[in-house]
Every structure is written in structure tokens, then in C-alpha cells.
């Protein structure tokens, strides 16, 4: 995992397409990973699930 990621070019998807493009899944992640993305989400204003999705792409 990188120390920092550049989310300046991250675009928000239109809500009408989100249900078509996303599937709900259950994942077990270390608390450190979750806390990292939650902190990053607070700093960037992007939901932490979206940040995780962006990194996994």
C-alpha cells in the first residue's frame, strides 16, 4: 500500500448509474486498513468505500 494516493482526478459517478455499476460485497479487512481509509476519507471528503474501490481498480 502506498503512503499517499492522488485523488485529485477522482470523478464522482452519477447516482443513476451506481446501482448498475456496483455490487455489494462483504470483505474482511484489518482494522488498520479501515482506519487508514476512514482518515483519508475525512481529509478528502470522499467516502472511504469509494477510496478502497479506487485503489483496488
PDB file of N, CA and C in Angstrom:
ATOM      1  N   UNK A   1       0.845  -1.162   0.000  1.00  0.00           N
ATOM      2  CA  UNK A   1       0.000   0.000   0.000  1.00  0.00           C
ATOM      3  C   UNK A   1       0.898   1.234   0.000  1.00  0.00           C
ATOM      4  N   UNK A   2       0.581   2.185  -0.865  1.00  0.00           N
ATOM      5  CA  UNK A   2       1.341   3.433  -0.933  1.00  0.00           C
ATOM      6  C   UNK A   2       1.096   4.280   0.301  1.00  0.00           C
ATOM      7  N   UNK A   3       2.063   5.151   0.589  1.00  0.00           N
ATOM      8  CA  UNK A   3       1.900   6.051   1.727  1.00  0.00           C
ATOM      9  C   UNK A   3       0.838   7.107   1.427  1.00  0.00           C
ATOM     10  N   UNK A   4       0.784   7.569   0.174  1.00  0.00           N
ATOM     11  CA  UNK A   4      -0.205   8.569  -0.230  1.00  0.00           C
ATOM     12  C   UNK A   4      -0.727   8.248  -1.628  1.00  0.00           C
ATOM     13  N   UNK A   5      -1.964   8.633  -1.890  1.00  0.00           N
ATOM     14  CA  UNK A   5      -2.586   8.469  -3.197  1.00  0.00           C
ATOM     15  C   UNK A   5      -3.081   9.828  -3.672  1.00  0.00           C
ATOM     16  N   UNK A   6      -3.073  10.034  -4.985  1.00  0.00           N
ATOM     17  CA  UNK A   6      -3.564  11.285  -5.564  1.00  0.00           C
ATOM     18  C   UNK A   6      -5.010  11.080  -6.003  1.00  0.00           C
ATOM     19  N   UNK A   7      -5.941  11.647  -5.257  1.00  0.00           N
ATOM     20  CA  UNK A   7      -7.360  11.516  -5.577  1.00  0.00           C
ATOM     21  C   UNK A   7      -7.911  12.759  -6.264  1.00  0.00           C
ATOM     22  N   UNK A   8      -7.033  13.638  -6.716  1.00  0.00           N
ATOM     23  CA  UNK A   8      -7.483  14.887  -7.321  1.00  0.00           C
ATOM     24  C   UNK A   8      -8.236  14.658  -8.631  1.00  0.00           C
ATOM     25  N   UNK A   9      -7.978  13.547  -9.311  1.00  0.00           N
ATOM     26  CA  UNK A   9      -8.643  13.273 -10.591  1.00  0.00           C
ATOM     27  C   UNK A   9      -9.813  12.300 -10.440  1.00  0.00           C
ATOM     28  N   UNK A  10     -10.118  11.926  -9.203  1.00  0.00           N
ATOM     29  CA  UNK A  10     -11.219  11.014  -8.943  1.00  0.00           C
ATOM     30  C   UNK A  10     -12.539  11.706  -9.271  1.00  0.00           C
ATOM     31  N   UNK A  11     -13.332  11.082 -10.132  1.00  0.00           N
ATOM     32  CA  UNK A  11     -14.615  11.659 -10.530  1.00  0.00           C
ATOM     33  C   UNK A  11     -15.745  10.902  -9.849  1.00  0.00           C
ATOM     34  N   UNK A  12     -16.769  11.633  -9.479  1.00  0.00           N
ATOM     35  CA  UNK A  12     -17.920  11.018  -8.842  1.00  0.00           C
ATOM     36  C   UNK A  12     -18.873  10.512  -9.921  1.00  0.00           C
ATOM     37  N   UNK A  13     -19.347   9.287  -9.749  1.00  0.00           N
ATOM     38  CA  UNK A  13     -20.277   8.705 -10.711  1.00  0.00           C
ATOM     39  C   UNK A  13     -21.670   9.276 -10.492  1.00  0.00           C
ATOM     40  N   UNK A  14     -22.425   9.331 -11.563  1.00  0.00           N
ATOM     41  CA  UNK A  14     -23.807   9.788 -11.477  1.00  0.00           C
ATOM     42  C   UNK A  14     -24.615   8.770 -10.665  1.00  0.00           C
ATOM     43  N   UNK A  15     -25.437   9.217  -9.704  1.00  0.00           N
ATOM     44  CA  UNK A  15     -26.196   8.289  -8.850  1.00  0.00           C
ATOM     45  C   UNK A  15     -27.071   7.311  -9.625  1.00  0.00           C
ATOM     46  N   UNK A  16     -27.582   7.716 -10.781  1.00  0.00           N
ATOM     47  CA  UNK A  16     -28.469   6.810 -11.515  1.00  0.00           C
ATOM     48  C   UNK A  16     -27.729   5.596 -12.065  1.00  0.00           C
ATOM     49  N   UNK A  17     -26.403   5.657 -12.174  1.00  0.00           N
ATOM     50  CA  UNK A  17     -25.630   4.536 -12.700  1.00  0.00           C
ATOM     51  C   UNK A  17     -24.977   3.696 -11.602  1.00  0.00           C
ATOM     52  N   UNK A  18     -24.978   4.170 -10.380  1.00  0.00           N
ATOM     53  CA  UNK A  18     -24.283   3.455  -9.311  1.00  0.00           C
ATOM     54  C   UNK A  18     -24.818   2.046  -9.094  1.00  0.00           C
ATOM     55  N   UNK A  19     -26.129   1.878  -9.120  1.00  0.00           N
ATOM     56  CA  UNK A  19     -26.693   0.549  -8.908  1.00  0.00           C
ATOM     57  C   UNK A  19     -26.309  -0.401 -10.034  1.00  0.00           C
ATOM     58  N   UNK A  20     -26.121   0.124 -11.228  1.00  0.00           N
ATOM     59  CA  UNK A  20     -25.738  -0.713 -12.352  1.00  0.00           C
ATOM     60  C   UNK A  20     -24.261  -1.094 -12.300  1.00  0.00           C
ATOM     61  N   UNK A  21     -23.446  -0.246 -11.716  1.00  0.00           N
ATOM     62  CA  UNK A  21     -22.006  -0.444 -11.754  1.00  0.00           C
ATOM     63  C   UNK A  21     -21.428  -1.091 -10.509  1.00  0.00           C
ATOM     64  N   UNK A  22     -22.146  -1.101  -9.431  1.00  0.00           N
ATOM     65  CA  UNK A  22     -21.589  -1.581  -8.167  1.00  0.00           C
ATOM     66  C   UNK A  22     -22.378  -2.769  -7.640  1.00  0.00           C
ATOM     67  N   UNK A  23     -21.655  -3.633  -6.949  1.00  0.00           N
ATOM     68  CA  UNK A  23     -22.273  -4.786  -6.309  1.00  0.00           C
ATOM     69  C   UNK A  23     -21.853  -4.787  -4.847  1.00  0.00           C
ATOM     70  N   UNK A  24     -22.775  -5.059  -3.977  1.00  0.00           N
ATOM     71  CA  UNK A  24     -22.479  -5.098  -2.550  1.00  0.00           C
ATOM     72  C   UNK A  24     -21.767  -6.405  -2.212  1.00  0.00           C
ATOM     73  N   UNK A  25     -20.620  -6.295  -1.526  1.00  0.00           N
ATOM     74  CA  UNK A  25     -19.861  -7.477  -1.107  1.00  0.00           C
ATOM     75  C   UNK A  25     -19.436  -7.309   0.351  1.00  0.00           C
ATOM     76  N   UNK A  26     -19.114  -8.413   0.976  1.00  0.00           N
ATOM     77  CA  UNK A  26     -18.585  -8.394   2.334  1.00  0.00           C
ATOM     78  C   UNK A  26     -17.116  -8.774   2.269  1.00  0.00           C
ATOM     79  N   UNK A  27     -16.268  -7.932   2.872  1.00  0.00           N
ATOM     80  CA  UNK A  27     -14.825  -8.199   2.893  1.00  0.00           C
ATOM     81  C   UNK A  27     -14.329  -8.075   4.326  1.00  0.00           C
ATOM     82  N   UNK A  28     -13.369  -8.883   4.682  1.00  0.00           N
ATOM     83  CA  UNK A  28     -12.726  -8.771   5.992  1.00  0.00           C
ATOM     84  C   UNK A  28     -11.386  -8.083   5.791  1.00  0.00           C
ATOM     85  N   UNK A  29     -11.260  -6.889   6.370  1.00  0.00           N
ATOM     86  CA  UNK A  29     -10.037  -6.099   6.258  1.00  0.00           C
ATOM     87  C   UNK A  29      -9.480  -5.837   7.648  1.00  0.00           C
ATOM     88  N   UNK A  30      -8.169  -5.710   7.747  1.00  0.00           N
ATOM     89  CA  UNK A  30      -7.548  -5.347   9.023  1.00  0.00           C
ATOM     90  C   UNK A  30      -8.062  -3.980   9.454  1.00  0.00           C
ATOM     91  N   UNK A  31      -8.180  -3.784  10.759  1.00  0.00           N
ATOM     92  CA  UNK A  31      -8.658  -2.503  11.285  1.00  0.00           C
ATOM     93  C   UNK A  31      -7.746  -1.360  10.864  1.00  0.00           C
ATOM     94  N   UNK A  32      -6.451  -1.625  10.741  1.00  0.00           N
ATOM     95  CA  UNK A  32      -5.515  -0.588  10.305  1.00  0.00           C
ATOM     96  C   UNK A  32      -5.833  -0.088   8.907  1.00  0.00           C
ATOM     97  N   UNK A  33      -6.232  -0.999   8.036  1.00  0.00           N
ATOM     98  CA  UNK A  33      -6.593  -0.631   6.661  1.00  0.00           C
ATOM     99  C   UNK A  33      -7.859   0.221   6.673  1.00  0.00           C
ATOM    100  N   UNK A  34      -8.851  -0.207   7.423  1.00  0.00           N
ATOM    101  CA  UNK A  34     -10.109   0.537   7.501  1.00  0.00           C
ATOM    102  C   UNK A  34      -9.874   1.925   8.089  1.00  0.00           C
ATOM    103  N   UNK A  35      -9.103   1.986   9.173  1.00  0.00           N
ATOM    104  CA  UNK A  35      -8.822   3.279   9.800  1.00  0.00           C
ATOM    105  C   UNK A  35      -8.058   4.205   8.864  1.00  0.00           C
ATOM    106  N   UNK A  36      -7.128   3.647   8.089  1.00  0.00           N
ATOM    107  CA  UNK A  36      -6.373   4.445   7.120  1.00  0.00           C
ATOM    108  C   UNK A  36      -7.323   5.103   6.119  1.00  0.00           C
ATOM    109  N   UNK A  37      -8.237   4.307   5.562  1.00  0.00           N
ATOM    110  CA  UNK A  37      -9.145   4.835   4.551  1.00  0.00           C
ATOM    111  C   UNK A  37     -10.197   5.766   5.157  1.00  0.00           C
ATOM    112  N   UNK A  38     -10.623   5.519   6.380  1.00  0.00           N
ATOM    113  CA  UNK A  38     -11.573   6.431   7.024  1.00  0.00           C
ATOM    114  C   UNK A  38     -10.919   7.790   7.281  1.00  0.00           C
ATOM    115  N   UNK A  39      -9.654   7.783   7.706  1.00  0.00           N
ATOM    116  CA  UNK A  39      -8.931   9.040   7.927  1.00  0.00           C
ATOM    117  C   UNK A  39      -8.755   9.778   6.604  1.00  0.00           C
ATOM    118  N   UNK A  40      -8.379   9.041   5.572  1.00  0.00           N
ATOM    119  CA  UNK A  40      -8.213   9.634   4.249  1.00  0.00           C
ATOM    120  C   UNK A  40      -9.542  10.181   3.735  1.00  0.00           C
ATOM    121  N   UNK A  41     -10.634   9.488   4.029  1.00  0.00           N
ATOM    122  CA  UNK A  41     -11.965   9.937   3.616  1.00  0.00           C
ATOM    123  C   UNK A  41     -12.317  11.268   4.274  1.00  0.00           C
ATOM    124  N   UNK A  42     -11.978  11.412   5.541  1.00  0.00           N
ATOM    125  CA  UNK A  42     -12.231  12.678   6.237  1.00  0.00           C
ATOM    126  C   UNK A  42     -11.439  13.818   5.608  1.00  0.00           C
ATOM    127  N   UNK A  43     -10.196  13.530   5.236  1.00  0.00           N
ATOM    128  CA  UNK A  43      -9.325  14.559   4.664  1.00  0.00           C
ATOM    129  C   UNK A  43      -9.755  14.972   3.260  1.00  0.00           C
ATOM    130  N   UNK A  44     -10.270  14.013   2.486  1.00  0.00           N
ATOM    131  CA  UNK A  44     -10.597  14.280   1.083  1.00  0.00           C
ATOM    132  C   UNK A  44     -12.073  14.561   0.840  1.00  0.00           C
ATOM    133  N   UNK A  45     -12.936  14.130   1.764  1.00  0.00           N
ATOM    134  CA  UNK A  45     -14.372  14.297   1.562  1.00  0.00           C
ATOM    135  C   UNK A  45     -14.968  13.244   0.646  1.00  0.00           C
ATOM    136  N   UNK A  46     -14.210  12.184   0.372  1.00  0.00           N
ATOM    137  CA  UNK A  46     -14.673  11.083  -0.477  1.00  0.00           C
ATOM    138  C   UNK A  46     -14.983   9.901   0.444  1.00  0.00           C
ATOM    139  N   UNK A  47     -16.118   9.217   0.266  1.00  0.00           N
ATOM    140  CA  UNK A  47     -16.440   8.080   1.129  1.00  0.00           C
ATOM    141  C   UNK A  47     -15.326   7.025   1.111  1.00  0.00           C
ATOM    142  N   UNK A  48     -15.064   6.432   2.277  1.00  0.00           N
ATOM    143  CA  UNK A  48     -13.939   5.505   2.355  1.00  0.00           C
ATOM    144  C   UNK A  48     -14.135   4.269   1.480  1.00  0.00           C
ATOM    145  N   UNK A  49     -15.375   3.834   1.275  1.00  0.00           N
ATOM    146  CA  UNK A  49     -15.614   2.698   0.393  1.00  0.00           C
ATOM    147  C   UNK A  49     -15.219   3.041  -1.042  1.00  0.00           C
ATOM    148  N   UNK A  50     -15.475   4.269  -1.455  1.00  0.00           N
ATOM    149  CA  UNK A  50     -15.094   4.713  -2.801  1.00  0.00           C
ATOM    150  C   UNK A  50     -13.580   4.762  -2.940  1.00  0.00           C
ATOM    151  N   UNK A  51     -12.889   5.183  -1.891  1.00  0.00           N
ATOM    152  CA  UNK A  51     -11.426   5.220  -1.927  1.00  0.00           C
ATOM    153  C   UNK A  51     -10.853   3.813  -2.052  1.00  0.00           C
ATOM    154  N   UNK A  52     -11.396   2.872  -1.290  1.00  0.00           N
ATOM    155  CA  UNK A  52     -10.935   1.481  -1.379  1.00  0.00           C
ATOM    156  C   UNK A  52     -11.184   0.948  -2.781  1.00  0.00           C
ATOM    157  N   UNK A  53     -12.347   1.223  -3.334  1.00  0.00           N
ATOM    158  CA  UNK A  53     -12.678   0.781  -4.689  1.00  0.00           C
ATOM    159  C   UNK A  53     -11.698   1.365  -5.700  1.00  0.00           C
ATOM    160  N   UNK A  54     -11.377   2.643  -5.551  1.00  0.00           N
ATOM    161  CA  UNK A  54     -10.444   3.321  -6.459  1.00  0.00           C
ATOM    162  C   UNK A  54      -9.067   2.671  -6.408  1.00  0.00           C
ATOM    163  N   UNK A  55      -8.591   2.362  -5.217  1.00  0.00           N
ATOM    164  CA  UNK A  55      -7.269   1.749  -5.062  1.00  0.00           C
ATOM    165  C   UNK A  55      -7.258   0.331  -5.634  1.00  0.00           C
ATOM    166  N   UNK A  56      -8.339  -0.412  -5.457  1.00  0.00           N
ATOM    167  CA  UNK A  56      -8.393  -1.785  -5.956  1.00  0.00           C
ATOM    168  C   UNK A  56      -8.481  -1.866  -7.476  1.00  0.00           C
ATOM    169  N   UNK A  57      -8.940  -0.803  -8.101  1.00  0.00           N
ATOM    170  CA  UNK A  57      -9.008  -0.800  -9.568  1.00  0.00           C
ATOM    171  C   UNK A  57      -7.611  -0.795 -10.120  1.00  0.00           C
TER     172      UNK A  57
END
